[in-house]
Each structure stands twice: as structure tokens, then as C-alpha cells.
Amino acid sequence: MHPRNRLLVIIFLLAMSIVFWDSIVLTPVKLFVVVLHELSHALTALLTGGSVERITIDARIGGMAVTRGGWSWLVVTSGYLGSMIMGGIIFLTSLRRGSAIAVASVIGAVLLLIAAFFVRNAFGLIFTLLSGGALLAAARWLPERWLSLTVQYLGAMSCLYALVDVKEDLLTLEHRVTDASILADMTGVPAIVWGVLWSGAALVVFTLIMRAAWRSASTPSSTTS
């Protein structure tokens, strides 16, 4: 498939995913981006001198990273920003021919490490172990064209996670403790403002990586698979 055609397929899949976000078919994808979201909180806590008590992943498409110490405002903010950055890295690094195998292998190994060191609830442990194993198996046996499409879709979906998750958190009448509400309590800035900022950042990051991918696909050195 020509690289530009693959990008159009990914954009179509993303659009369908957002439209049908409540579909049970998307549950594994949503849980995957939740794991990246919670991992971003955990890594930021560790990098700013804190510690990670546990990560839990909920079957109802939720999660929680319990941390101690670190720069609390940055830890709270890093969930969406970190998943955007990691998603962008996953997407861009998997664009080169043959790189999807390495990217899928790394993600699979990271999921297994998260399960071993951080995840402390039964459902979360089962999901991270199964998804990590599935990605390692895909890297070994899935044809490259399908593996590339899968990895790039997961990366791009992670970039857009803030857009759909913030909508559910802030544009419904259900009251929940969210990153935006926690940051609002810490800063005095309304939660809706943080939600809009994160959603805007998600669109900017997504646009930038898609522009970079489109330009790369149009260069003479671009290859097909």
C-alpha cells in the first residue's frame, strides 16, 4: 500500500473510532490509551523525584495512577500531554519501512514491565499482560503491512485521546474526579479551561504528525509495503 493511501486509511479509522467511541469493539484500543495515560502520570512522578504506589486499570475504561511526591501539578498535567507525546513518537517512528516490528516489540515489552512493576489490580494486570503478549506476537507473526497499520493507528489514537476523553468528562452532567477537576482545585483555573487546552493540544500534535507523515510519504525515498 502506498504510504499516502495508508495515511488516508488511518485517518478514516480514526474518524470512525471517534464517531463510534462507545462501541464495545473499541474497548481494547481505549484501554491501551488509558494505560499510556496512566503511565505518563507515573513516569512524570518518577522523573520529578516522586514515587509510584500503583496503577489500576478499570474495565469501565478508566484508570488511576497513585503517586507520592514529585511536582504534583506536572504529574496531573502529564496524563494527556504524555500520551500525546508517546502516541506521536509511536506513530512517527513506525513510518519507516521495517520499523513497525521494533516499535511493536518495544511497546509489548513496556506493557509487560508496567504489569510487573506498577499494575496492582486483577483486571489491569490481565489486560496489560495480554496486550503486551499480543503485541509481541504480532511483531513476530503479523505481516508488516498490517502491523504498521495497527501500530500507527494506536499511536495516532493516543494523540487524540484527550479530545474524546475530555468531552466525556466535561460535557456530561456526571460528576467525576478527573485530571481537569484536580488541576482546577490546585490552580483555581476552571476544569473546562484545562479540558479545552488539552483538546486543543491534541489537535495540534495530531495535525503536526500527520503533516510530517504526509510530507514524508511524498518524498522520492518513500517506499510501499
C-alpha atoms as a PDB file:
ATOM      1  CA  MET A   1       0.000   0.000   0.000  1.00  0.00           C
ATOM      2  CA  HIS A   2       1.311   3.454  -0.893  1.00  0.00           C
ATOM      3  CA  PRO A   3       2.240   5.467   2.238  1.00  0.00           C
ATOM      4  CA  ARG A   4      -0.276   8.202   1.435  1.00  0.00           C
ATOM      5  CA  ASN A   5      -3.057   5.685   0.973  1.00  0.00           C
ATOM      6  CA  ARG A   6      -2.143   4.148   4.327  1.00  0.00           C
ATOM      7  CA  LEU A   7      -2.405   7.570   5.971  1.00  0.00           C
ATOM      8  CA  LEU A   8      -5.842   8.063   4.458  1.00  0.00           C
ATOM      9  CA  VAL A   9      -6.893   4.662   5.821  1.00  0.00           C
ATOM     10  CA  ILE A  10      -5.623   5.617   9.297  1.00  0.00           C
ATOM     11  CA  ILE A  11      -7.461   8.943   9.184  1.00  0.00           C
ATOM     12  CA  PHE A  12     -10.647   7.098   8.179  1.00  0.00           C
ATOM     13  CA  LEU A  13     -10.198   4.610  11.032  1.00  0.00           C
ATOM     14  CA  LEU A  14      -9.631   7.442  13.497  1.00  0.00           C
ATOM     15  CA  ALA A  15     -12.749   9.270  12.324  1.00  0.00           C
ATOM     16  CA  MET A  16     -14.822   6.102  12.650  1.00  0.00           C
ATOM     17  CA  SER A  17     -13.343   5.448  16.091  1.00  0.00           C
ATOM     18  CA  ILE A  18     -14.343   8.885  17.333  1.00  0.00           C
ATOM     19  CA  VAL A  19     -17.848   8.598  15.874  1.00  0.00           C
ATOM     20  CA  PHE A  20     -18.351   5.120  17.352  1.00  0.00           C
ATOM     21  CA  TRP A  21     -16.305   5.694  20.503  1.00  0.00           C
ATOM     22  CA  ASP A  22     -18.892   3.950  22.681  1.00  0.00           C
ATOM     23  CA  SER A  23     -18.705   0.730  20.677  1.00  0.00           C
ATOM     24  CA  ILE A  24     -17.538  -2.328  22.611  1.00  0.00           C
ATOM     25  CA  VAL A  25     -15.307  -3.211  19.633  1.00  0.00           C
ATOM     26  CA  LEU A  26     -13.022  -0.322  20.581  1.00  0.00           C
ATOM     27  CA  THR A  27     -12.579  -1.457  24.189  1.00  0.00           C
ATOM     28  CA  PRO A  28      -9.015  -2.816  23.730  1.00  0.00           C
ATOM     29  CA  VAL A  29      -7.942   0.382  21.970  1.00  0.00           C
ATOM     30  CA  LYS A  30      -9.443   2.593  24.665  1.00  0.00           C
ATOM     31  CA  LEU A  31      -7.807   0.540  27.410  1.00  0.00           C
ATOM     32  CA  PHE A  32      -4.464   0.775  25.611  1.00  0.00           C
ATOM     33  CA  VAL A  33      -4.562   4.566  25.535  1.00  0.00           C
ATOM     34  CA  VAL A  34      -5.674   4.597  29.173  1.00  0.00           C
ATOM     35  CA  VAL A  35      -2.542   2.602  30.041  1.00  0.00           C
ATOM     36  CA  LEU A  36      -0.354   5.158  28.234  1.00  0.00           C
ATOM     37  CA  HIS A  37      -2.205   7.945  30.036  1.00  0.00           C
ATOM     38  CA  GLU A  38      -1.596   6.444  33.472  1.00  0.00           C
ATOM     39  CA  LEU A  39       1.993   5.541  32.571  1.00  0.00           C
ATOM     40  CA  SER A  40       2.581   9.218  31.740  1.00  0.00           C
ATOM     41  CA  HIS A  41       1.481  10.189  35.256  1.00  0.00           C
ATOM     42  CA  ALA A  42       3.752   7.533  36.753  1.00  0.00           C
ATOM     43  CA  LEU A  43       6.832   8.422  34.698  1.00  0.00           C
ATOM     44  CA  THR A  44       6.439  12.129  35.427  1.00  0.00           C
ATOM     45  CA  ALA A  45       6.252  11.416  39.154  1.00  0.00           C
ATOM     46  CA  LEU A  46       9.439   9.345  38.966  1.00  0.00           C
ATOM     47  CA  LEU A  47      11.272  11.906  36.821  1.00  0.00           C
ATOM     48  CA  THR A  48      10.423  14.740  39.240  1.00  0.00           C
ATOM     49  CA  GLY A  49      11.630  12.906  42.331  1.00  0.00           C
ATOM     50  CA  GLY A  50       8.445  11.149  43.381  1.00  0.00           C
ATOM     51  CA  SER A  51       7.411   7.512  43.541  1.00  0.00           C
ATOM     52  CA  VAL A  52       4.642   5.332  42.160  1.00  0.00           C
ATOM     53  CA  GLU A  53       2.452   3.408  44.555  1.00  0.00           C
ATOM     54  CA  ARG A  54       0.306   1.643  41.975  1.00  0.00           C
ATOM     55  CA  ILE A  55      -1.528   1.843  38.687  1.00  0.00           C
ATOM     56  CA  THR A  56      -5.031   0.461  38.271  1.00  0.00           C
ATOM     57  CA  ILE A  57      -6.894  -0.064  35.002  1.00  0.00           C
ATOM     58  CA  ASP A  58     -10.680  -0.298  35.174  1.00  0.00           C
ATOM     59  CA  ALA A  59     -12.854  -2.423  32.898  1.00  0.00           C
ATOM     60  CA  ARG A  60     -15.138   0.611  32.567  1.00  0.00           C
ATOM     61  CA  ILE A  61     -12.387   2.349  30.583  1.00  0.00           C
ATOM     62  CA  GLY A  62     -10.813   4.216  33.436  1.00  0.00           C
ATOM     63  CA  GLY A  63      -7.580   4.182  35.316  1.00  0.00           C
ATOM     64  CA  MET A  64      -5.666   5.698  38.191  1.00  0.00           C
ATOM     65  CA  ALA A  65      -2.021   6.272  38.960  1.00  0.00           C
ATOM     66  CA  VAL A  66      -1.347   6.708  42.675  1.00  0.00           C
ATOM     67  CA  THR A  67       1.895   8.602  43.180  1.00  0.00           C
ATOM     68  CA  ARG A  68       3.758  10.274  46.016  1.00  0.00           C
ATOM     69  CA  GLY A  69       5.940  13.344  45.825  1.00  0.00           C
ATOM     70  CA  GLY A  70       7.235  14.866  42.632  1.00  0.00           C
ATOM     71  CA  TRP A  71       5.895  18.042  41.052  1.00  0.00           C
ATOM     72  CA  SER A  72       2.208  17.455  41.654  1.00  0.00           C
ATOM     73  CA  TRP A  73       0.899  19.968  39.101  1.00  0.00           C
ATOM     74  CA  LEU A  74       3.125  18.484  36.401  1.00  0.00           C
ATOM     75  CA  VAL A  75       2.181  14.930  37.365  1.00  0.00           C
ATOM     76  CA  VAL A  76      -1.516  15.767  36.986  1.00  0.00           C
ATOM     77  CA  THR A  77      -0.997  17.601  33.684  1.00  0.00           C
ATOM     78  CA  SER A  78       1.187  14.883  32.194  1.00  0.00           C
ATOM     79  CA  GLY A  79      -1.554  12.300  31.653  1.00  0.00           C
ATOM     80  CA  TYR A  80      -2.923  13.727  28.429  1.00  0.00           C
ATOM     81  CA  LEU A  81       0.242  15.523  27.362  1.00  0.00           C
ATOM     82  CA  GLY A  82       2.350  12.425  27.909  1.00  0.00           C
ATOM     83  CA  SER A  83       0.007  10.151  25.983  1.00  0.00           C
ATOM     84  CA  MET A  84       0.034  12.685  23.124  1.00  0.00           C
ATOM     85  CA  ILE A  85       3.818  12.711  23.037  1.00  0.00           C
ATOM     86  CA  MET A  86       4.171   8.942  23.333  1.00  0.00           C
ATOM     87  CA  GLY A  87       1.493   8.430  20.707  1.00  0.00           C
ATOM     88  CA  GLY A  88       3.272  10.815  18.351  1.00  0.00           C
ATOM     89  CA  ILE A  89       6.580   9.023  18.874  1.00  0.00           C
ATOM     90  CA  ILE A  90       4.941   5.642  18.248  1.00  0.00           C
ATOM     91  CA  PHE A  91       3.315   6.941  15.074  1.00  0.00           C
ATOM     92  CA  LEU A  92       6.347   8.700  13.612  1.00  0.00           C
ATOM     93  CA  THR A  93       8.911   6.019  14.429  1.00  0.00           C
ATOM     94  CA  SER A  94       6.735   3.332  12.845  1.00  0.00           C
ATOM     95  CA  LEU A  95       6.546   5.151   9.498  1.00  0.00           C
ATOM     96  CA  ARG A  96       9.879   3.822   8.226  1.00  0.00           C
ATOM     97  CA  ARG A  97       9.766   0.528   6.405  1.00  0.00           C
ATOM     98  CA  GLY A  98      10.576  -2.358   8.741  1.00  0.00           C
ATOM     99  CA  SER A  99      10.409  -0.265  11.908  1.00  0.00           C
ATOM    100  CA  ALA A 100       6.953  -1.438  12.973  1.00  0.00           C
ATOM    101  CA  ILE A 101       8.384  -4.737  14.217  1.00  0.00           C
ATOM    102  CA  ALA A 102      10.778  -2.947  16.577  1.00  0.00           C
ATOM    103  CA  VAL A 103       8.121  -0.466  17.708  1.00  0.00           C
ATOM    104  CA  ALA A 104       5.540  -3.174  18.425  1.00  0.00           C
ATOM    105  CA  SER A 105       8.167  -5.216  20.281  1.00  0.00           C
ATOM    106  CA  VAL A 106       9.157  -2.260  22.451  1.00  0.00           C
ATOM    107  CA  ILE A 107       5.534  -1.402  23.276  1.00  0.00           C
ATOM    108  CA  GLY A 108       4.813  -5.033  24.106  1.00  0.00           C
ATOM    109  CA  ALA A 109       7.830  -5.250  26.398  1.00  0.00           C
ATOM    110  CA  VAL A 110       6.914  -1.960  28.107  1.00  0.00           C
ATOM    111  CA  LEU A 111       3.398  -3.238  28.792  1.00  0.00           C
ATOM    112  CA  LEU A 112       4.818  -6.354  30.418  1.00  0.00           C
ATOM    113  CA  LEU A 113       7.128  -4.214  32.571  1.00  0.00           C
ATOM    114  CA  ILE A 114       4.215  -1.985  33.593  1.00  0.00           C
ATOM    115  CA  ALA A 115       2.307  -5.093  34.633  1.00  0.00           C
ATOM    116  CA  ALA A 116       5.257  -6.387  36.641  1.00  0.00           C
ATOM    117  CA  PHE A 117       6.164  -3.177  38.469  1.00  0.00           C
ATOM    118  CA  PHE A 118       3.125  -0.919  38.661  1.00  0.00           C
ATOM    119  CA  VAL A 119      -0.260  -2.512  37.970  1.00  0.00           C
ATOM    120  CA  ARG A 120      -1.930  -3.700  41.148  1.00  0.00           C
ATOM    121  CA  ASN A 121      -5.472  -4.727  40.242  1.00  0.00           C
ATOM    122  CA  ALA A 122      -6.550  -8.014  38.673  1.00  0.00           C
ATOM    123  CA  PHE A 123      -8.242  -6.632  35.569  1.00  0.00           C
ATOM    124  CA  GLY A 124      -5.418  -4.209  34.834  1.00  0.00           C
ATOM    125  CA  LEU A 125      -2.833  -6.938  35.296  1.00  0.00           C
ATOM    126  CA  ILE A 126      -4.655  -9.302  32.950  1.00  0.00           C
ATOM    127  CA  PHE A 127      -5.120  -6.618  30.298  1.00  0.00           C
ATOM    128  CA  THR A 128      -1.525  -5.346  30.326  1.00  0.00           C
ATOM    129  CA  LEU A 129      -0.125  -8.876  30.222  1.00  0.00           C
ATOM    130  CA  LEU A 130      -2.429  -9.961  27.397  1.00  0.00           C
ATOM    131  CA  SER A 131      -1.950  -6.810  25.350  1.00  0.00           C
ATOM    132  CA  GLY A 132       1.816  -6.882  25.826  1.00  0.00           C
ATOM    133  CA  GLY A 133       1.918 -10.518  24.776  1.00  0.00           C
ATOM    134  CA  ALA A 134      -0.368  -9.818  21.817  1.00  0.00           C
ATOM    135  CA  LEU A 135       1.894  -7.044  20.521  1.00  0.00           C
ATOM    136  CA  LEU A 136       4.982  -9.221  20.866  1.00  0.00           C
ATOM    137  CA  ALA A 137       3.186 -11.999  18.995  1.00  0.00           C
ATOM    138  CA  ALA A 138       2.061  -9.524  16.316  1.00  0.00           C
ATOM    139  CA  ALA A 139       5.636  -8.307  15.905  1.00  0.00           C
ATOM    140  CA  ARG A 140       6.686 -11.910  15.340  1.00  0.00           C
ATOM    141  CA  TRP A 141       3.924 -13.202  13.069  1.00  0.00           C
ATOM    142  CA  LEU A 142       1.699 -10.413  11.707  1.00  0.00           C
ATOM    143  CA  PRO A 143       2.529  -9.298   8.130  1.00  0.00           C
ATOM    144  CA  GLU A 144       4.380  -5.995   8.120  1.00  0.00           C
ATOM    145  CA  ARG A 145       1.735  -4.016   6.261  1.00  0.00           C
ATOM    146  CA  TRP A 146      -0.904  -4.922   8.876  1.00  0.00           C
ATOM    147  CA  LEU A 147       1.497  -4.468  11.765  1.00  0.00           C
ATOM    148  CA  SER A 148       2.444  -0.978  10.541  1.00  0.00           C
ATOM    149  CA  LEU A 149      -1.198  -0.019  10.177  1.00  0.00           C
ATOM    150  CA  THR A 150      -2.002  -1.308  13.664  1.00  0.00           C
ATOM    151  CA  VAL A 151       0.898   0.443  15.401  1.00  0.00           C
ATOM    152  CA  GLN A 152       0.331   3.719  13.576  1.00  0.00           C
ATOM    153  CA  TYR A 153      -3.379   3.630  14.400  1.00  0.00           C
ATOM    154  CA  LEU A 154      -2.656   3.045  18.103  1.00  0.00           C
ATOM    155  CA  GLY A 155      -0.148   5.904  18.154  1.00  0.00           C
ATOM    156  CA  ALA A 156      -2.478   8.332  16.418  1.00  0.00           C
ATOM    157  CA  MET A 157      -5.395   7.293  18.637  1.00  0.00           C
ATOM    158  CA  SER A 158      -3.293   8.019  21.705  1.00  0.00           C
ATOM    159  CA  CYS A 159      -2.617  11.511  20.357  1.00  0.00           C
ATOM    160  CA  LEU A 160      -6.337  12.165  20.064  1.00  0.00           C
ATOM    161  CA  TYR A 161      -7.302  10.585  23.383  1.00  0.00           C
ATOM    162  CA  ALA A 162      -7.679  13.929  25.152  1.00  0.00           C
ATOM    163  CA  LEU A 163     -10.201  15.038  22.548  1.00  0.00           C
ATOM    164  CA  VAL A 164     -12.660  12.228  23.249  1.00  0.00           C
ATOM    165  CA  ASP A 165     -11.968  11.646  26.935  1.00  0.00           C
ATOM    166  CA  VAL A 166     -12.196  15.299  27.948  1.00  0.00           C
ATOM    167  CA  LYS A 167     -15.503  15.552  26.103  1.00  0.00           C
ATOM    168  CA  GLU A 168     -16.888  12.711  28.193  1.00  0.00           C
ATOM    169  CA  ASP A 169     -15.513  14.197  31.404  1.00  0.00           C
ATOM    170  CA  LEU A 170     -16.578  17.801  30.935  1.00  0.00           C
ATOM    171  CA  LEU A 171     -19.515  17.876  28.554  1.00  0.00           C
ATOM    172  CA  THR A 172     -21.713  15.452  30.503  1.00  0.00           C
ATOM    173  CA  LEU A 173     -23.670  16.049  33.673  1.00  0.00           C
ATOM    174  CA  GLU A 174     -21.932  13.215  35.517  1.00  0.00           C
ATOM    175  CA  HIS A 175     -19.667  14.471  38.296  1.00  0.00           C
ATOM    176  CA  ARG A 176     -16.363  12.657  38.424  1.00  0.00           C
ATOM    177  CA  VAL A 177     -12.927  13.322  39.813  1.00  0.00           C
ATOM    178  CA  THR A 178     -10.786  13.912  36.735  1.00  0.00           C
ATOM    179  CA  ASP A 179      -7.378  15.327  35.906  1.00  0.00           C
ATOM    180  CA  ALA A 180      -9.073  18.578  34.937  1.00  0.00           C
ATOM    181  CA  SER A 181     -11.019  18.835  38.208  1.00  0.00           C
ATOM    182  CA  ILE A 182      -7.915  18.026  40.272  1.00  0.00           C
ATOM    183  CA  LEU A 183      -5.912  20.675  38.431  1.00  0.00           C
ATOM    184  CA  ALA A 184      -8.759  23.139  38.852  1.00  0.00           C
ATOM    185  CA  ASP A 185      -8.624  22.616  42.628  1.00  0.00           C
ATOM    186  CA  MET A 186      -4.852  23.102  42.582  1.00  0.00           C
ATOM    187  CA  THR A 187      -4.751  26.220  40.397  1.00  0.00           C
ATOM    188  CA  GLY A 188      -8.163  27.870  40.603  1.00  0.00           C
ATOM    189  CA  VAL A 189      -8.459  27.674  36.814  1.00  0.00           C
ATOM    190  CA  PRO A 190     -11.808  26.054  35.864  1.00  0.00           C
ATOM    191  CA  ALA A 191     -11.708  22.441  34.721  1.00  0.00           C
ATOM    192  CA  ILE A 192     -13.321  23.310  31.389  1.00  0.00           C
ATOM    193  CA  VAL A 193     -10.346  25.549  30.579  1.00  0.00           C
ATOM    194  CA  TRP A 194      -7.883  22.722  31.146  1.00  0.00           C
ATOM    195  CA  GLY A 195     -10.065  20.413  29.076  1.00  0.00           C
ATOM    196  CA  VAL A 196     -10.154  22.848  26.174  1.00  0.00           C
ATOM    197  CA  LEU A 197      -6.389  23.394  26.378  1.00  0.00           C
ATOM    198  CA  TRP A 198      -5.679  19.643  26.348  1.00  0.00           C
ATOM    199  CA  SER A 199      -8.112  19.085  23.472  1.00  0.00           C
ATOM    200  CA  GLY A 200      -6.502  21.906  21.513  1.00  0.00           C
ATOM    201  CA  ALA A 201      -3.055  20.467  22.176  1.00  0.00           C
ATOM    202  CA  ALA A 202      -4.249  17.065  20.951  1.00  0.00           C
ATOM    203  CA  LEU A 203      -5.442  18.561  17.671  1.00  0.00           C
ATOM    204  CA  VAL A 204      -2.187  20.498  17.212  1.00  0.00           C
ATOM    205  CA  VAL A 205       0.004  17.452  17.898  1.00  0.00           C
ATOM    206  CA  PHE A 206      -2.113  15.274  15.635  1.00  0.00           C
ATOM    207  CA  THR A 207      -2.012  17.841  12.820  1.00  0.00           C
ATOM    208  CA  LEU A 208       1.758  18.205  13.086  1.00  0.00           C
ATOM    209  CA  ILE A 209       2.487  14.480  12.969  1.00  0.00           C
ATOM    210  CA  MET A 210       0.080  13.964  10.073  1.00  0.00           C
ATOM    211  CA  ARG A 211       1.691  16.803   8.126  1.00  0.00           C
ATOM    212  CA  ALA A 212       5.113  15.314   8.754  1.00  0.00           C
ATOM    213  CA  ALA A 213       3.892  11.875   7.697  1.00  0.00           C
ATOM    214  CA  TRP A 214       2.233  13.235   4.550  1.00  0.00           C
ATOM    215  CA  ARG A 215       5.375  15.095   3.518  1.00  0.00           C
ATOM    216  CA  SER A 216       7.485  12.018   4.179  1.00  0.00           C
ATOM    217  CA  ALA A 217       5.137   9.915   2.078  1.00  0.00           C
ATOM    218  CA  SER A 218       5.559  12.282  -0.869  1.00  0.00           C
ATOM    219  CA  THR A 219       9.366  12.158  -0.955  1.00  0.00           C
ATOM    220  CA  PRO A 220      11.107  10.064  -3.646  1.00  0.00           C
ATOM    221  CA  SER A 221      12.586   7.777  -0.973  1.00  0.00           C
ATOM    222  CA  SER A 222       9.139   6.752   0.298  1.00  0.00           C
ATOM    223  CA  THR A 223       8.511   3.028  -0.112  1.00  0.00           C
ATOM    224  CA  THR A 224       5.457   0.833  -0.183  1.00  0.00           C
ATOM    225  CA  SER A 225       4.658  -2.402   1.531  1.00  0.00           C
END
